[in-house]
Every structure is written in structure tokens, then in C-alpha cells.
């Protein structure tokens, strides 16, 4: 079984990054894929969206890094901080790195040894078919560490001009990572979020994105759907809140595409 490690990242917050991590992972799990989420965003939004704050207080990424940053990580050092979620096949390594001193230390570590997170991913690889990394929305060293650990980067792009304007800087960061620490990093695709066909600008941005990023824009579009926001506020993936909402169906289509792309022979569930 070959694991696909996908970082989900953007240079702008509020574009549906965490929503994508949580709901894409949930649907992959329902499609009988073994999935691990690594919440690498100091804000810990993915951990909260899964209702796992209590587990994070028991231990998470901070303890993993403190244990293994200077020595080789042992399997037990990772597995004891990976927790099952409310969905079969879906596990979480939670973020508890919000403290300023921890984030400063991580940024320093990312400069000195950008493969620290990759070491964690490598230990987890045998147990999962997909590993999704929620990367922080910034230009700091932390997203570089996340991208260094990934096979590819999935980029949520909100249907708004402000989000589109951040893309050149993100593309430059990707090129830097490819040239320095991860020459194999690919762009998995650009995912349009908060898409509303009734709003003319949504269609205009879709056309612009497909023109400028030929072949990289997913056919699947994530619609503006209040059920996604409600599920996030409730601390649950949308499949446990309103499985058949438009947003949920869109994430299922994306999950089915990725499952078939990387594990075409694996069994899937019907939901």
C-alpha cells in the first residue's frame, strides 16, 4: 500500500482550508481509506472542527517534536499521540502548538532541519492510505516544513479577488521548496471554494483560474453551503451533520476522485 501525503495550504486564511481538510478526510474514510490528519496549524482549527480539543490537551504535535527533534523518532513516540475520531478509518495527530514560544521554536527548527515533520510522516506511512496535513496560512518557515513532508499540495482558492491575488506568492513558495528541500513536491490541484453560480464573479474567477493554472483546477467545486459552517461550529465533519448537503456531496466527489487516482483497486463504502 502506497501512502499519498497531501498538504492542504494557502497563503490566505478564511478560504476553506480547514473545512477542506476535515471533510475531504471524512469522505475518504467513508470510502474505506485509512486516513490520518496532521493538524500543523498553530490555530488548531482542524482539531476543534473534529471536537478533539480534549485529546490535544493530553498530548499532540508538541510532545512528538519535543521527544524526537534531536533524536530519531520511535514509532511509539508518534502512535501514542494519534487518536481515533468519531469516524472509522479516520485518525488525528492534533495541534497543540499555539503557544508563542512553541511556534518560535518550531520556526527555528524548520530552518535548521526542515525534515522534522517529514520524519513523523515517514513513521506513520505504513498505517495509512492518505495523510492530510493542515498547513498554516503564512509565509513563515512552518508551511515550508509541511510542504517538505508532502507528496503534493492541494490549494483551496476562495471565489474572491483577494484570494486570487495571493496565488503568485504561494507559487513562489512552492518553487522555493522544490528547489531546496523537496524536489518531488507537486501541486495536487487548486480547489475553488465558496463557489456560488448565482454570483457573476464566481464564474469569472473560475474562468480566470482555469486560464492561468491550466490543468490544475479541480473539476469539483465546493459550493457556498451554510451546512458546512454549521458542521464546523458543531465540531463535526459535515457527513455527521448533513451528509447530503451540497457541500458534503462536493467533498464526496473530490474524495472519490482522489481515491480512484491513488488507490483504484481498494474497496469503497456506499453512503
Protein backbone atom coordinates (compact mmCIF):
# COMPACT_ATOMS: atom_id res chain seq x y z
CA UNK A 1 0.00 0.00 0.00
CA UNK A 2 1.48 3.34 -1.06
CA UNK A 3 0.52 6.29 1.07
CA UNK A 4 -0.31 9.63 -0.52
CA UNK A 5 0.64 12.57 1.69
CA UNK A 6 -1.19 15.75 0.74
CA UNK A 7 -0.67 19.11 2.39
CA UNK A 8 -3.62 21.49 2.24
CA UNK A 9 -2.35 25.04 2.24
CA UNK A 10 -2.97 28.63 1.24
CA UNK A 11 -1.35 31.98 1.90
CA UNK A 12 -4.70 33.44 2.97
CA UNK A 13 -6.93 32.45 5.85
CA UNK A 14 -10.68 32.04 5.52
CA UNK A 15 -10.54 30.21 2.17
CA UNK A 16 -11.96 26.91 3.40
CA UNK A 17 -8.63 25.23 4.14
CA UNK A 18 -9.61 23.56 7.40
CA UNK A 19 -13.10 22.80 6.07
CA UNK A 20 -11.42 21.00 3.18
CA UNK A 21 -9.04 19.04 5.41
CA UNK A 22 -11.82 17.81 7.70
CA UNK A 23 -14.46 17.00 5.13
CA UNK A 24 -12.17 15.54 2.48
CA UNK A 25 -10.66 13.28 5.14
CA UNK A 26 -14.09 12.27 6.41
CA UNK A 27 -15.28 11.23 2.98
CA UNK A 28 -12.05 9.37 2.22
CA UNK A 29 -12.60 7.47 5.48
CA UNK A 30 -16.17 6.64 4.46
CA UNK A 31 -14.74 5.33 1.21
CA UNK A 32 -12.78 2.82 3.34
CA UNK A 33 -9.46 4.62 3.10
CA UNK A 34 -7.28 4.70 6.20
CA UNK A 35 -6.67 8.40 6.79
CA UNK A 36 -4.51 10.39 9.18
CA UNK A 37 -4.89 14.13 9.64
CA UNK A 38 -1.88 16.02 10.98
CA UNK A 39 -3.04 19.37 12.32
CA UNK A 40 0.05 21.51 11.76
CA UNK A 41 -1.70 24.87 12.00
CA UNK A 42 -0.91 26.56 15.35
CA UNK A 43 -4.52 27.80 15.42
CA UNK A 44 -5.62 24.18 15.84
CA UNK A 45 -8.78 24.69 13.79
CA UNK A 46 -8.89 21.14 12.44
CA UNK A 47 -8.57 19.73 15.95
CA UNK A 48 -11.50 21.90 17.07
CA UNK A 49 -13.57 21.06 13.99
CA UNK A 50 -13.27 17.39 14.92
CA UNK A 51 -14.21 18.10 18.53
CA UNK A 52 -10.81 16.80 19.69
CA UNK A 53 -9.57 19.65 21.89
CA UNK A 54 -9.59 17.37 24.90
CA UNK A 55 -7.26 14.93 23.21
CA UNK A 56 -4.89 17.74 22.24
CA UNK A 57 -4.58 18.65 25.91
CA UNK A 58 -3.38 15.08 26.56
CA UNK A 59 -0.59 15.40 24.02
CA UNK A 60 -0.03 16.05 20.34
CA UNK A 61 2.49 17.53 17.96
CA UNK A 62 4.29 19.48 20.65
CA UNK A 63 5.18 16.33 22.56
CA UNK A 64 6.12 14.49 19.37
CA UNK A 65 8.55 17.24 18.38
CA UNK A 66 9.95 17.65 21.87
CA UNK A 67 10.63 13.92 22.02
CA UNK A 68 12.02 13.47 18.57
CA UNK A 69 13.50 16.71 17.30
CA UNK A 70 17.05 15.92 18.38
CA UNK A 71 16.92 12.12 18.26
CA UNK A 72 15.43 9.64 15.88
CA UNK A 73 11.70 9.35 16.48
CA UNK A 74 10.45 5.97 17.64
CA UNK A 75 7.17 4.54 16.43
CA UNK A 76 5.69 4.74 19.93
CA UNK A 77 6.51 8.43 20.11
CA UNK A 78 4.09 9.04 17.22
CA UNK A 79 1.37 6.45 17.74
CA UNK A 80 0.63 7.35 21.35
CA UNK A 81 -0.42 10.84 20.23
CA UNK A 82 -2.57 9.70 17.30
CA UNK A 83 -6.23 9.46 18.32
CA UNK A 84 -9.26 7.85 16.67
CA UNK A 85 -12.08 10.19 15.72
CA UNK A 86 -15.83 9.68 15.57
CA UNK A 87 -15.40 8.13 12.11
CA UNK A 88 -13.94 4.70 11.49
CA UNK A 89 -10.71 4.84 9.46
CA UNK A 90 -10.02 8.48 10.42
CA UNK A 91 -7.33 9.40 12.97
CA UNK A 92 -5.86 12.69 14.14
CA UNK A 93 -2.48 13.89 15.33
CA UNK A 94 -3.76 17.09 16.97
CA UNK A 95 -2.21 20.52 17.12
CA UNK A 96 -1.20 21.89 20.50
CA UNK A 97 1.48 24.27 19.25
CA UNK A 98 -0.33 27.57 19.71
CA UNK A 99 1.95 28.91 22.44
CA UNK A 100 4.21 31.67 21.15
CA UNK A 101 7.40 30.04 22.44
CA UNK A 102 6.49 26.73 20.79
CA UNK A 103 5.77 28.39 17.45
CA UNK A 104 9.04 30.35 17.62
CA UNK A 105 10.94 27.15 18.41
CA UNK A 106 9.25 25.34 15.53
CA UNK A 107 10.13 28.09 13.10
CA UNK A 108 13.75 27.88 14.19
CA UNK A 109 13.66 24.10 13.87
CA UNK A 110 12.13 24.37 10.41
CA UNK A 111 15.08 26.47 9.28
CA UNK A 112 17.68 24.18 10.87
CA UNK A 113 16.04 20.86 9.97
CA UNK A 114 13.06 21.15 7.59
CA UNK A 115 12.58 17.37 7.65
CA UNK A 116 11.37 17.19 11.26
CA UNK A 117 7.72 16.85 10.24
CA UNK A 118 8.68 14.53 7.38
CA UNK A 119 10.23 12.18 9.95
CA UNK A 120 6.86 11.98 11.70
CA UNK A 121 5.07 11.34 8.40
CA UNK A 122 7.54 8.64 7.41
CA UNK A 123 6.86 6.72 10.63
CA UNK A 124 3.11 6.89 10.07
CA UNK A 125 3.18 5.89 6.39
CA UNK A 126 2.70 2.11 6.77
CA UNK A 127 -0.63 2.51 8.57
CA UNK A 128 -2.48 4.87 6.21
CA UNK A 129 -3.51 5.26 2.61
CA UNK A 130 -3.82 9.04 2.89
CA UNK A 131 -2.12 11.52 5.21
CA UNK A 132 -3.53 15.06 5.08
CA UNK A 133 -1.52 17.90 6.60
CA UNK A 134 -3.32 21.11 7.59
CA UNK A 135 -0.59 23.66 6.85
CA UNK A 136 -0.65 27.15 8.40
CA UNK A 137 -1.66 30.08 6.16
CA UNK A 138 1.52 32.13 6.34
CA UNK A 139 4.89 32.81 4.74
CA UNK A 140 6.79 31.56 7.79
CA UNK A 141 9.02 28.51 7.89
CA UNK A 142 6.15 26.32 9.11
CA UNK A 143 4.38 25.87 5.76
CA UNK A 144 7.74 25.03 4.22
CA UNK A 145 8.12 22.25 6.78
CA UNK A 146 4.63 20.99 5.90
CA UNK A 147 5.35 21.07 2.17
CA UNK A 148 8.69 19.34 2.70
CA UNK A 149 6.78 16.42 4.25
CA UNK A 150 4.20 16.11 1.46
CA UNK A 151 3.96 14.46 -1.93
CA UNK A 152 1.69 17.21 -3.14
CA UNK A 153 -0.12 20.40 -2.19
CA UNK A 154 -3.87 20.93 -2.54
CA UNK A 155 -4.68 24.64 -2.67
CA UNK A 156 -8.15 25.89 -1.65
CA UNK A 157 -8.98 29.07 -3.55
CA UNK A 158 -11.90 31.13 -2.33
CA UNK A 159 -14.01 32.74 -5.02
CA UNK A 160 -12.77 36.26 -4.38
CA UNK A 161 -10.14 38.55 -5.89
CA UNK A 162 -8.20 38.84 -2.63
CA UNK A 163 -7.56 35.10 -2.58
CA UNK A 164 -6.51 35.04 -6.23
CA UNK A 165 -4.02 37.83 -5.57
CA UNK A 166 -2.16 35.65 -3.05
CA UNK A 167 -1.52 32.86 -5.55
CA UNK A 168 1.72 34.23 -7.08
CA UNK A 169 3.37 34.34 -3.65
CA UNK A 170 2.26 30.79 -2.91
CA UNK A 171 3.58 29.57 -6.26
CA UNK A 172 6.93 31.18 -5.45
CA UNK A 173 6.99 29.42 -2.08
CA UNK A 174 6.27 26.10 -3.79
CA UNK A 175 9.16 26.69 -6.21
CA UNK A 176 11.47 27.50 -3.29
CA UNK A 177 10.52 24.27 -1.53
CA UNK A 178 11.05 22.29 -4.73
CA UNK A 179 14.49 23.84 -5.22
CA UNK A 180 15.66 23.41 -1.63
CA UNK A 181 14.04 20.64 0.43
CA UNK A 182 11.50 18.68 -1.63
CA UNK A 183 12.14 18.41 -5.38
CA UNK A 184 9.28 15.90 -5.69
CA UNK A 185 6.56 18.23 -4.41
CA UNK A 186 3.68 18.52 -6.88
CA UNK A 187 0.60 20.67 -7.00
CA UNK A 188 -2.25 18.25 -6.40
CA UNK A 189 -4.74 20.77 -7.64
CA UNK A 190 -6.50 24.06 -6.99
CA UNK A 191 -9.90 23.70 -5.36
CA UNK A 192 -12.41 26.51 -5.73
CA UNK A 193 -14.37 27.06 -2.52
CA UNK A 194 -17.39 29.17 -1.59
CA UNK A 195 -18.48 28.91 -5.22
CA UNK A 196 -21.88 30.45 -5.96
CA UNK A 197 -23.06 30.14 -9.58
CA UNK A 198 -25.62 32.88 -8.92
CA UNK A 199 -22.81 35.36 -8.28
CA UNK A 200 -21.22 36.50 -11.56
CA UNK A 201 -17.78 36.90 -10.01
CA UNK A 202 -17.66 33.23 -9.02
CA UNK A 203 -17.90 32.17 -12.63
CA UNK A 204 -15.43 34.87 -13.67
CA UNK A 205 -12.86 33.69 -11.13
CA UNK A 206 -13.34 30.08 -12.22
CA UNK A 207 -12.57 31.09 -15.79
CA UNK A 208 -9.53 33.13 -14.69
CA UNK A 209 -8.17 30.28 -12.58
CA UNK A 210 -8.57 27.74 -15.38
CA UNK A 211 -6.85 30.12 -17.79
CA UNK A 212 -3.88 30.95 -15.55
CA UNK A 213 -3.46 27.50 -13.98
CA UNK A 214 -4.19 25.22 -16.89
CA UNK A 215 -4.84 21.64 -15.91
CA UNK A 216 -4.51 22.35 -12.19
CA UNK A 217 -8.05 23.40 -11.26
CA UNK A 218 -10.22 20.57 -9.98
CA UNK A 219 -13.48 19.96 -11.81
CA UNK A 220 -15.08 19.59 -8.39
CA UNK A 221 -16.29 22.92 -6.97
CA UNK A 222 -17.11 23.45 -3.29
CA UNK A 223 -20.32 25.49 -3.11
CA UNK A 224 -21.21 28.14 -0.58
CA UNK A 225 -23.19 25.98 1.86
CA UNK A 226 -24.27 27.09 5.32
CA UNK A 227 -24.38 23.44 6.42
CA UNK A 228 -20.59 23.29 6.14
CA UNK A 229 -20.28 26.26 8.51
CA UNK A 230 -22.82 24.79 10.89
CA UNK A 231 -20.99 21.47 10.98
CA UNK A 232 -17.71 23.26 11.70
CA UNK A 233 -19.31 25.17 14.57
CA UNK A 234 -20.70 21.90 15.92
CA UNK A 235 -17.23 20.29 15.89
CA UNK A 236 -18.16 17.62 13.38
CA UNK A 237 -17.44 16.74 9.76
CA UNK A 238 -20.43 17.54 7.58
CA UNK A 239 -21.02 13.83 6.94
CA UNK A 240 -22.05 13.55 10.60
CA UNK A 241 -24.18 16.68 10.38
CA UNK A 242 -25.86 16.73 6.98
CA UNK A 243 -24.38 14.07 4.70
CA UNK A 244 -26.48 15.03 1.70
CA UNK A 245 -25.95 18.79 1.74
CA UNK A 246 -24.46 20.34 -1.42
CA UNK A 247 -21.11 20.90 0.29
CA UNK A 248 -20.96 17.33 1.53
CA UNK A 249 -21.72 15.95 -1.93
CA UNK A 250 -18.96 18.12 -3.43
CA UNK A 251 -16.39 16.81 -0.96
CA UNK A 252 -17.51 13.28 -1.68
CA UNK A 253 -16.86 13.83 -5.39
CA UNK A 254 -13.38 15.15 -4.61
CA UNK A 255 -12.67 12.20 -2.30
CA UNK A 256 -13.84 9.72 -4.92
CA UNK A 257 -11.56 11.35 -7.49
CA UNK A 258 -8.51 11.12 -5.23
CA UNK A 259 -9.29 7.60 -4.05
CA UNK A 260 -9.60 6.36 -7.60
CA UNK A 261 -6.47 8.26 -8.65
CA UNK A 262 -4.23 6.74 -5.97
CA UNK A 263 -5.96 3.53 -4.84
CA UNK A 264 -8.17 2.38 -7.71
CA UNK A 265 -8.23 -1.21 -6.53
CA UNK A 266 -9.32 -0.54 -2.94
CA UNK A 267 -12.83 -1.26 -1.74
CA UNK A 268 -15.23 1.63 -1.15
CA UNK A 269 -18.27 2.06 1.01
CA UNK A 270 -21.66 3.12 -0.22
CA UNK A 271 -23.22 6.06 1.57
